[in-house]
């Protein structure tokens, strides 16, 4: 699938991967959108400061978080069918 973003495949820094996992766990356990809202605000703040590289990094983190949430949701759904 070539979708893994883990540090062992050199697609992401360990710190960023840890933040992704922490954000996903927080999102899943609280069932709210605080993490996504925070990341969206962080993107806006970076753009306001004209720090487009930082905004892109946060955008990518947000995409990875959404992917992790989707994978988790699909796994839970499959688990319920079994």
Protein backbone atom coordinates (compact mmCIF):
# COMPACT_ATOMS: atom_id res chain seq x y z
CA UNK A 1 0.00 0.00 0.00
CA UNK A 2 2.99 2.30 0.64
CA UNK A 3 0.93 4.43 3.03
CA UNK A 4 2.86 3.90 6.23
CA UNK A 5 4.27 7.10 7.62
CA UNK A 6 6.24 5.50 10.44
CA UNK A 7 9.77 6.72 11.06
CA UNK A 8 11.19 3.32 10.11
CA UNK A 9 10.33 3.96 6.44
CA UNK A 10 11.88 7.45 6.55
CA UNK A 11 8.75 9.35 5.51
CA UNK A 12 8.40 11.28 8.75
CA UNK A 13 10.44 12.40 11.75
CA UNK A 14 9.96 10.45 14.97
CA UNK A 15 8.71 13.59 16.74
CA UNK A 16 6.06 14.23 14.06
CA UNK A 17 4.97 10.58 14.08
CA UNK A 18 4.60 10.69 17.87
CA UNK A 19 2.47 13.83 17.57
CA UNK A 20 0.31 12.10 14.95
CA UNK A 21 -0.25 9.08 17.18
CA UNK A 22 -0.89 11.22 20.25
CA UNK A 23 -3.36 13.37 18.33
CA UNK A 24 -5.16 10.34 16.93
CA UNK A 25 -5.43 8.72 20.35
CA UNK A 26 -6.72 11.95 21.84
CA UNK A 27 -9.26 12.37 19.07
CA UNK A 28 -10.47 8.78 19.29
CA UNK A 29 -10.69 8.66 23.07
CA UNK A 30 -12.53 11.95 23.41
CA UNK A 31 -14.72 11.66 20.32
CA UNK A 32 -14.46 15.35 19.66
CA UNK A 33 -12.72 17.57 17.17
CA UNK A 34 -10.45 19.59 19.47
CA UNK A 35 -7.28 18.21 17.93
CA UNK A 36 -8.42 18.96 14.39
CA UNK A 37 -9.57 22.42 15.40
CA UNK A 38 -6.21 23.09 17.08
CA UNK A 39 -4.27 21.98 14.02
CA UNK A 40 -6.47 24.09 11.76
CA UNK A 41 -5.85 27.14 13.97
CA UNK A 42 -2.12 26.37 13.92
CA UNK A 43 -2.20 26.36 10.12
CA UNK A 44 -3.99 29.72 10.09
CA UNK A 45 -1.46 31.18 12.54
CA UNK A 46 1.47 29.96 10.45
CA UNK A 47 -0.04 31.43 7.27
CA UNK A 48 -0.64 34.75 9.03
CA UNK A 49 3.06 34.80 9.92
CA UNK A 50 3.85 33.91 6.28
CA UNK A 51 5.48 30.70 7.54
CA UNK A 52 4.19 28.56 4.70
CA UNK A 53 6.61 25.70 5.35
CA UNK A 54 5.28 25.35 8.90
CA UNK A 55 1.71 25.56 7.59
CA UNK A 56 2.47 22.78 5.11
CA UNK A 57 3.97 20.61 7.86
CA UNK A 58 0.87 21.06 10.00
CA UNK A 59 -1.38 20.42 6.99
CA UNK A 60 0.47 17.16 6.37
CA UNK A 61 0.11 16.21 10.04
CA UNK A 62 -3.62 16.90 9.79
CA UNK A 63 -3.86 14.67 6.71
CA UNK A 64 -2.05 11.86 8.53
CA UNK A 65 -4.30 12.25 11.55
CA UNK A 66 -7.39 12.01 9.36
CA UNK A 67 -5.98 8.89 7.72
CA UNK A 68 -5.29 7.29 11.11
CA UNK A 69 -8.82 8.11 12.24
CA UNK A 70 -10.27 6.59 9.08
CA UNK A 71 -8.23 3.40 9.50
CA UNK A 72 -9.31 3.15 13.14
CA UNK A 73 -12.95 3.69 12.22
CA UNK A 74 -12.85 1.05 9.49
CA UNK A 75 -11.14 -1.44 11.80
CA UNK A 76 -13.79 -0.88 14.48
CA UNK A 77 -16.54 -1.26 11.92
CA UNK A 78 -15.05 -4.51 10.64
CA UNK A 79 -14.63 -5.74 14.21
CA UNK A 80 -18.34 -5.19 14.92
CA UNK A 81 -19.32 -7.22 11.85
CA UNK A 82 -17.28 -10.21 13.02
